[in-house]
N, C-alpha and C. Protein backbone atom coordinates (compact mmCIF):
# COMPACT_ATOMS: atom_id res chain seq x y z
N MET A 1 3.67 46.30 58.93
CA MET A 1 4.86 45.58 59.33
C MET A 1 4.49 44.12 59.51
N ASP A 2 5.30 43.22 59.00
CA ASP A 2 5.07 41.80 59.06
C ASP A 2 5.30 41.30 60.49
N LYS A 3 4.25 40.75 61.12
CA LYS A 3 4.40 40.32 62.50
C LYS A 3 5.36 39.16 62.65
N GLU A 4 5.65 38.45 61.57
CA GLU A 4 6.64 37.38 61.64
C GLU A 4 8.00 37.91 62.06
N SER A 5 8.29 39.17 61.73
CA SER A 5 9.59 39.73 62.09
C SER A 5 9.68 40.02 63.58
N PHE A 6 8.57 39.98 64.29
CA PHE A 6 8.59 40.25 65.72
C PHE A 6 8.28 39.02 66.57
N HIS A 7 7.38 38.18 66.11
CA HIS A 7 6.88 37.13 66.98
C HIS A 7 7.62 35.81 66.84
N ASP A 8 8.55 35.63 67.72
CA ASP A 8 9.26 34.38 67.84
C ASP A 8 9.08 34.00 69.31
N LEU A 9 8.13 33.17 69.60
CA LEU A 9 7.79 32.90 70.98
C LEU A 9 8.85 32.00 71.61
N SER A 10 9.95 32.61 71.86
CA SER A 10 11.11 31.94 72.41
C SER A 10 11.00 31.83 73.92
N THR A 11 11.59 30.78 74.49
CA THR A 11 11.63 30.65 75.95
C THR A 11 13.06 30.62 76.44
N GLU A 12 13.98 31.12 75.63
CA GLU A 12 15.39 31.05 75.99
C GLU A 12 15.90 32.29 76.70
N SER A 13 15.09 33.27 76.95
CA SER A 13 15.54 34.48 77.61
C SER A 13 15.66 34.26 79.10
N SER A 14 16.57 35.01 79.71
CA SER A 14 16.78 34.87 81.15
C SER A 14 16.51 36.18 81.88
N ALA A 15 15.65 37.02 81.34
CA ALA A 15 15.36 38.31 81.96
C ALA A 15 14.63 38.13 83.28
N THR A 16 14.76 39.16 84.12
CA THR A 16 14.01 39.17 85.37
C THR A 16 13.34 40.52 85.53
N LEU A 17 12.24 40.54 86.22
CA LEU A 17 11.54 41.76 86.57
C LEU A 17 11.17 41.64 88.03
N ASP A 18 11.70 42.56 88.84
CA ASP A 18 11.48 42.51 90.28
C ASP A 18 11.86 41.16 90.86
N GLY A 19 12.95 40.58 90.35
CA GLY A 19 13.44 39.31 90.87
C GLY A 19 12.72 38.09 90.34
N THR A 20 11.69 38.28 89.51
CA THR A 20 10.94 37.17 88.94
C THR A 20 11.54 36.81 87.59
N SER A 21 11.92 35.55 87.42
CA SER A 21 12.46 35.12 86.14
C SER A 21 11.36 35.10 85.10
N LEU A 22 11.66 35.62 83.93
CA LEU A 22 10.69 35.65 82.84
C LEU A 22 10.99 34.59 81.79
N ALA A 23 11.89 33.68 82.10
CA ALA A 23 12.33 32.71 81.10
C ALA A 23 11.17 31.91 80.52
N ALA A 24 10.21 31.52 81.32
CA ALA A 24 9.12 30.70 80.81
C ALA A 24 7.77 31.37 80.98
N GLU A 25 7.75 32.63 81.41
CA GLU A 25 6.50 33.28 81.70
C GLU A 25 6.11 34.27 80.62
N GLY A 26 4.85 34.26 80.27
CA GLY A 26 4.29 35.27 79.41
C GLY A 26 4.75 35.23 77.97
N PRO A 27 4.01 35.91 77.13
CA PRO A 27 4.35 36.00 75.71
C PRO A 27 5.62 36.82 75.49
N LYS A 28 6.30 36.52 74.42
CA LYS A 28 7.52 37.23 74.06
C LYS A 28 7.51 37.55 72.57
N ALA A 29 8.21 38.59 72.22
CA ALA A 29 8.43 38.93 70.82
C ALA A 29 9.88 39.30 70.65
N ILE A 30 10.40 39.11 69.47
CA ILE A 30 11.78 39.44 69.15
C ILE A 30 11.77 40.60 68.15
N PHE A 31 12.61 41.59 68.38
CA PHE A 31 12.79 42.67 67.41
C PHE A 31 14.28 42.78 67.13
N GLU A 32 14.63 43.49 66.09
CA GLU A 32 16.03 43.65 65.72
C GLU A 32 16.59 44.91 66.37
N PRO A 33 17.45 44.79 67.38
CA PRO A 33 17.97 45.97 68.06
C PRO A 33 18.92 46.80 67.20
N ASP A 34 19.25 46.33 66.01
CA ASP A 34 20.16 47.08 65.14
C ASP A 34 19.44 48.19 64.37
N GLY A 35 18.16 48.36 64.63
CA GLY A 35 17.41 49.43 63.98
C GLY A 35 16.57 48.98 62.82
N SER A 36 16.65 47.72 62.41
CA SER A 36 15.85 47.26 61.28
C SER A 36 14.43 46.87 61.69
N GLY A 37 14.17 46.81 62.99
CA GLY A 37 12.83 46.51 63.48
C GLY A 37 12.44 47.52 64.54
N SER A 38 11.22 47.96 64.51
CA SER A 38 10.76 48.96 65.47
C SER A 38 10.36 48.30 66.78
N THR A 39 10.98 48.73 67.85
CA THR A 39 10.65 48.22 69.17
C THR A 39 9.21 48.56 69.52
N ALA A 40 8.81 49.78 69.24
CA ALA A 40 7.44 50.22 69.53
C ALA A 40 6.42 49.36 68.78
N GLU A 41 6.68 49.07 67.52
CA GLU A 41 5.76 48.24 66.75
C GLU A 41 5.73 46.82 67.29
N ALA A 42 6.86 46.32 67.77
CA ALA A 42 6.89 44.99 68.36
C ALA A 42 6.02 44.94 69.61
N VAL A 43 6.09 45.99 70.43
CA VAL A 43 5.29 46.05 71.65
C VAL A 43 3.80 46.05 71.30
N VAL A 44 3.38 46.95 70.42
CA VAL A 44 1.97 47.06 70.06
C VAL A 44 1.48 45.76 69.41
N SER A 45 2.27 45.20 68.53
CA SER A 45 1.89 43.97 67.84
C SER A 45 1.72 42.81 68.83
N LEU A 46 2.65 42.68 69.77
CA LEU A 46 2.57 41.60 70.75
C LEU A 46 1.38 41.78 71.69
N VAL A 47 1.15 42.99 72.16
CA VAL A 47 0.01 43.25 73.04
C VAL A 47 -1.30 42.97 72.30
N ALA A 48 -1.41 43.41 71.06
CA ALA A 48 -2.62 43.17 70.28
C ALA A 48 -2.85 41.68 70.07
N GLU A 49 -1.81 40.97 69.68
CA GLU A 49 -1.95 39.54 69.43
C GLU A 49 -2.29 38.79 70.71
N THR A 50 -1.61 39.12 71.80
CA THR A 50 -1.82 38.43 73.07
C THR A 50 -3.23 38.68 73.59
N GLY A 51 -3.71 39.90 73.45
CA GLY A 51 -5.04 40.25 73.92
C GLY A 51 -6.14 40.00 72.91
N ASP A 52 -5.78 39.42 71.76
CA ASP A 52 -6.71 39.14 70.68
C ASP A 52 -7.51 40.40 70.32
N ARG A 53 -6.75 41.49 70.11
CA ARG A 53 -7.35 42.79 69.79
C ARG A 53 -6.70 43.36 68.54
N ASP A 54 -7.41 44.23 67.89
CA ASP A 54 -6.87 44.96 66.77
C ASP A 54 -5.91 46.02 67.33
N PRO A 55 -4.73 46.20 66.75
CA PRO A 55 -3.81 47.21 67.25
C PRO A 55 -4.42 48.62 67.32
N LEU A 56 -5.38 48.91 66.43
CA LEU A 56 -6.01 50.22 66.43
C LEU A 56 -6.97 50.41 67.60
N GLU A 57 -7.35 49.30 68.27
CA GLU A 57 -8.22 49.38 69.45
C GLU A 57 -7.43 49.67 70.72
N LEU A 58 -6.13 49.53 70.67
CA LEU A 58 -5.29 49.74 71.85
C LEU A 58 -5.12 51.22 72.13
N PRO A 59 -4.86 51.59 73.39
CA PRO A 59 -4.57 52.99 73.66
C PRO A 59 -3.25 53.38 72.99
N PRO A 60 -3.06 54.66 72.72
CA PRO A 60 -1.80 55.08 72.09
C PRO A 60 -0.60 54.70 72.97
N LEU A 61 0.41 54.16 72.36
CA LEU A 61 1.61 53.75 73.10
C LEU A 61 2.25 54.95 73.79
N TYR A 62 2.16 56.11 73.16
CA TYR A 62 2.81 57.30 73.74
C TYR A 62 2.20 57.72 75.07
N ASP A 63 1.01 57.16 75.43
CA ASP A 63 0.47 57.42 76.77
C ASP A 63 1.28 56.68 77.83
N ALA A 64 2.01 55.66 77.44
CA ALA A 64 2.81 54.86 78.38
C ALA A 64 4.30 55.15 78.29
N VAL A 65 4.78 55.37 77.06
CA VAL A 65 6.21 55.58 76.84
C VAL A 65 6.38 56.33 75.52
N ASP A 66 7.45 57.06 75.38
CA ASP A 66 7.74 57.75 74.13
C ASP A 66 8.23 56.71 73.11
N PRO A 67 7.41 56.36 72.11
CA PRO A 67 7.79 55.30 71.17
C PRO A 67 9.07 55.61 70.40
N GLU A 68 9.26 56.86 70.01
CA GLU A 68 10.46 57.22 69.25
C GLU A 68 11.70 57.09 70.12
N ALA A 69 11.60 57.50 71.38
CA ALA A 69 12.74 57.37 72.29
C ALA A 69 13.04 55.90 72.55
N LEU A 70 12.00 55.09 72.69
CA LEU A 70 12.20 53.65 72.90
C LEU A 70 12.90 53.03 71.71
N ASP A 71 12.47 53.38 70.50
CA ASP A 71 13.11 52.86 69.28
C ASP A 71 14.58 53.29 69.21
N ARG A 72 14.83 54.58 69.48
CA ARG A 72 16.21 55.08 69.41
C ARG A 72 17.10 54.41 70.45
N LEU A 73 16.59 54.28 71.65
CA LEU A 73 17.37 53.65 72.73
C LEU A 73 17.74 52.22 72.37
N CYS A 74 16.77 51.47 71.90
CA CYS A 74 17.01 50.06 71.60
C CYS A 74 17.81 49.87 70.32
N ALA A 75 17.73 50.83 69.38
CA ALA A 75 18.48 50.72 68.14
C ALA A 75 19.95 51.04 68.35
N ARG A 76 20.27 51.78 69.38
CA ARG A 76 21.65 52.20 69.61
C ARG A 76 22.45 51.24 70.46
N THR A 77 21.80 50.23 70.98
CA THR A 77 22.53 49.32 71.85
C THR A 77 22.10 47.89 71.62
N SER A 78 23.00 47.00 71.80
CA SER A 78 22.67 45.58 71.89
C SER A 78 23.13 45.10 73.26
N ASP A 79 23.18 46.06 74.19
CA ASP A 79 23.64 45.80 75.55
C ASP A 79 22.68 44.84 76.25
N SER A 80 23.18 43.70 76.65
CA SER A 80 22.34 42.71 77.31
C SER A 80 21.89 43.17 78.69
N GLU A 81 22.49 44.24 79.20
CA GLU A 81 22.11 44.76 80.52
C GLU A 81 20.95 45.76 80.44
N LEU A 82 20.64 46.26 79.25
CA LEU A 82 19.56 47.24 79.11
C LEU A 82 18.22 46.58 79.36
N ARG A 83 17.43 47.17 80.26
CA ARG A 83 16.07 46.73 80.54
C ARG A 83 15.20 47.98 80.71
N VAL A 84 14.11 48.02 79.98
CA VAL A 84 13.15 49.11 80.10
C VAL A 84 11.80 48.46 80.39
N SER A 85 11.13 48.92 81.44
CA SER A 85 9.80 48.37 81.72
C SER A 85 8.81 49.51 81.89
N PHE A 86 7.56 49.23 81.52
CA PHE A 86 6.49 50.20 81.63
C PHE A 86 5.16 49.46 81.57
N GLU A 87 4.11 50.14 81.98
CA GLU A 87 2.75 49.59 81.95
C GLU A 87 2.08 50.04 80.66
N TYR A 88 1.41 49.08 79.98
CA TYR A 88 0.71 49.43 78.75
C TYR A 88 -0.45 48.46 78.52
N ALA A 89 -1.63 48.99 78.38
CA ALA A 89 -2.83 48.24 77.98
C ALA A 89 -3.08 47.00 78.84
N GLY A 90 -2.84 47.13 80.13
CA GLY A 90 -3.11 46.01 81.04
C GLY A 90 -1.96 45.04 81.20
N TYR A 91 -0.79 45.38 80.67
CA TYR A 91 0.38 44.52 80.77
C TYR A 91 1.56 45.31 81.33
N THR A 92 2.45 44.61 81.97
CA THR A 92 3.77 45.15 82.26
C THR A 92 4.64 44.70 81.10
N VAL A 93 5.25 45.66 80.43
CA VAL A 93 6.10 45.38 79.27
C VAL A 93 7.55 45.51 79.71
N LEU A 94 8.36 44.52 79.41
CA LEU A 94 9.79 44.57 79.66
C LEU A 94 10.50 44.42 78.33
N VAL A 95 11.30 45.42 77.98
CA VAL A 95 12.06 45.41 76.74
C VAL A 95 13.53 45.24 77.10
N GLU A 96 14.17 44.27 76.48
CA GLU A 96 15.59 44.02 76.69
C GLU A 96 16.39 44.56 75.52
N GLY A 97 17.59 45.03 75.80
CA GLY A 97 18.48 45.53 74.77
C GLY A 97 18.90 44.47 73.78
N THR A 98 18.72 43.21 74.14
CA THR A 98 19.08 42.11 73.24
C THR A 98 18.03 41.87 72.17
N GLY A 99 16.88 42.55 72.27
CA GLY A 99 15.86 42.43 71.23
C GLY A 99 14.66 41.60 71.63
N ILE A 100 14.38 41.45 72.90
CA ILE A 100 13.24 40.65 73.34
C ILE A 100 12.27 41.54 74.11
N VAL A 101 11.00 41.40 73.79
CA VAL A 101 9.92 42.08 74.50
C VAL A 101 9.15 41.01 75.27
N HIS A 102 8.96 41.23 76.58
CA HIS A 102 8.20 40.32 77.42
C HIS A 102 6.92 41.02 77.87
N LEU A 103 5.85 40.25 78.04
CA LEU A 103 4.61 40.78 78.59
C LEU A 103 4.24 40.00 79.85
N LEU A 104 3.87 40.73 80.87
CA LEU A 104 3.29 40.13 82.07
C LEU A 104 1.92 40.74 82.26
N ASP A 105 0.93 39.91 82.48
CA ASP A 105 -0.43 40.39 82.73
C ASP A 105 -0.45 41.13 84.04
N ASP A 106 -1.01 42.33 84.08
CA ASP A 106 -1.06 43.13 85.30
C ASP A 106 -2.05 42.61 86.32
N GLU A 107 -2.89 41.68 85.93
CA GLU A 107 -3.91 41.17 86.86
C GLU A 107 -3.35 40.19 87.84
């Protein structure tokens, strides 16, 4: 999958996690919530790029979240209110229904 389809390091999002604005914090990736882009692949690609790691070196995503369920959930909605967060590979991942993936370092 071409990482260009996911990585648009935008700072225009207004998401929050536990009351913390993510507008200018942490790396971000954009995926297509209409089903043409895999949310799971966007997460793995962003974590690998941010951590300067090969995606194959990362733990399986399914240890943190069901990748197929995540893709289906995000493909079925463009609801700006949808927020899914989980811990993965040392990051807190926040996925928005609008097509943005945010990473916060767990440290």
